[in-house]
């Protein structure tokens, strides 16, 4: 019987995600989430909104003028994600990590 890590490794063996493709996809999701956030901020109290939190999309009724998310956790996830992708140093480190996972370290042959 194998461990969970071994099972996942065998399932995704040979699976490669290029860094630029991944970044394009995430930035597209961020634009969509930001648009939902902006729409929610413009809606009036009592109107139905869709949560702009990553992976949430639950509908809720706006209870106060400043509400844009259905819960605090979604708000925190949204703003943490926005801040991460605004930091070019962190994004570059992520790109390098993805490339290393895809193509191995330059020290693998030694």
Foldseek 3Di string as FASTA:
>chain_A
DDDPVVVVCVVCPPPADALVNVVVVVVVLLVVLVVLQVVQLPDDQQDWGFASFPPGRDIDGHHDNRDRHPDPVSVVRSVVSVVQVVDVVNSVVVNVVSCCVRPNDPPVVD
